[in-house]
C-alpha atoms as a PDB file:
ATOM      1  CA  MET A   1       6.027  -2.274  -8.427  1.00  0.00           C
ATOM      2  CA  MET A   2       4.893  -0.918  -5.051  1.00  0.00           C
ATOM      3  CA  GLY A   3       3.872  -4.333  -3.691  1.00  0.00           C
ATOM      4  CA  LEU A   4       0.856  -4.844  -5.912  1.00  0.00           C
ATOM      5  CA  PRO A   5       0.644  -7.420  -8.689  1.00  0.00           C
ATOM      6  CA  ALA A   6       1.428  -6.141 -12.181  1.00  0.00           C
ATOM      7  CA  GLY A   7      -1.746  -4.859 -13.789  1.00  0.00           C
ATOM      8  CA  HIS A   8      -3.596  -4.576 -10.464  1.00  0.00           C
ATOM      9  CA  VAL A   9      -5.373  -1.481 -11.785  1.00  0.00           C
ATOM     10  CA  THR A  10      -3.841  -0.896 -15.202  1.00  0.00           C
ATOM     11  CA  ALA A  11      -4.935  -4.197 -16.783  1.00  0.00           C
ATOM     12  CA  ILE A  12      -8.649  -3.383 -16.607  1.00  0.00           C
ATOM     13  CA  PRO A  13      -9.936  -2.984 -20.178  1.00  0.00           C
ATOM     14  CA  GLY A  14     -11.470   0.407 -20.954  1.00  0.00           C
ATOM     15  CA  LEU A  15     -10.318   2.079 -17.742  1.00  0.00           C
ATOM     16  CA  SER A  16      -8.892   5.519 -18.508  1.00  0.00           C
ATOM     17  CA  ARG A  17      -5.735   6.852 -16.874  1.00  0.00           C
ATOM     18  CA  SER A  18      -7.766   9.257 -14.723  1.00  0.00           C
ATOM     19  CA  ALA A  19     -10.091   6.419 -13.667  1.00  0.00           C
ATOM     20  CA  GLN A  20      -7.053   4.289 -12.747  1.00  0.00           C
ATOM     21  CA  LEU A  21      -5.700   7.068 -10.538  1.00  0.00           C
ATOM     22  CA  LYS A  22      -9.112   7.571  -8.947  1.00  0.00           C
ATOM     23  CA  ALA A  23      -9.374   3.819  -8.244  1.00  0.00           C
ATOM     24  CA  LEU A  24      -6.015   3.914  -6.479  1.00  0.00           C
ATOM     25  CA  GLY A  25      -7.030   6.987  -4.497  1.00  0.00           C
ATOM     26  CA  ASN A  26      -4.890   7.772  -1.493  1.00  0.00           C
ATOM     27  CA  GLY A  27      -4.244   4.123  -0.819  1.00  0.00           C
ATOM     28  CA  VAL A  28      -1.213   2.979   1.106  1.00  0.00           C
ATOM     29  CA  VAL A  29       1.004   0.452  -0.594  1.00  0.00           C
ATOM     30  CA  PRO A  30       1.207  -2.894   1.229  1.00  0.00           C
ATOM     31  CA  GLN A  31       4.843  -2.455   2.344  1.00  0.00           C
ATOM     32  CA  GLN A  32       4.053   0.892   3.977  1.00  0.00           C
ATOM     33  CA  ALA A  33       1.039  -0.579   5.742  1.00  0.00           C
ATOM     34  CA  GLU A  34       3.079  -3.516   7.037  1.00  0.00           C
ATOM     35  CA  ALA A  35       5.853  -1.236   8.298  1.00  0.00           C
ATOM     36  CA  ALA A  36       3.323   0.980  10.077  1.00  0.00           C
ATOM     37  CA  ILE A  37       1.585  -1.965  11.735  1.00  0.00           C
ATOM     38  CA  ARG A  38       4.893  -3.450  12.888  1.00  0.00           C
ATOM     39  CA  HIS A  39       6.020  -0.089  14.271  1.00  0.00           C
ATOM     40  CA  LEU A  40       2.754   0.553  16.114  1.00  0.00           C
ATOM     41  CA  ALA A  41       2.588  -3.002  17.456  1.00  0.00           C
ATOM     42  CA  GLY A  42       6.145  -2.666  18.736  1.00  0.00           C
ATOM     43  CA  ARG A  43       5.284   0.606  20.486  1.00  0.00           C
ATOM     44  CA  ALA A  44       2.161  -0.936  22.000  1.00  0.00           C
ATOM     45  CA  LEU A  45       4.261  -3.789  23.360  1.00  0.00           C
ATOM     46  CA  GLY A  46       7.009  -1.489  24.600  1.00  0.00           C
ATOM     47  CA  ARG A  47       9.599  -2.617  22.069  1.00  0.00           C
ATOM     48  CA  ARG A  48      11.936  -0.497  20.026  1.00  0.00           C
ATOM     49  CA  ALA A  49      11.247  -0.590  16.294  1.00  0.00           C
ATOM     50  CA  ALA A  50      13.804  -2.353  14.124  1.00  0.00           C
ATOM     51  CA  ALA A  51      15.569  -0.108  11.616  1.00  0.00           C
END
């Protein structure tokens, strides 16, 4: 599921598979983005990241 609602890109009528992949691009899934922000915020505040 990768953190996006079902059909986020695939439920668009008439959108080909290649167009779906292009629309997604090199995007980061929400969970990865959240983990990165938490890690960087912890470093900025001098805290150790939680495992």
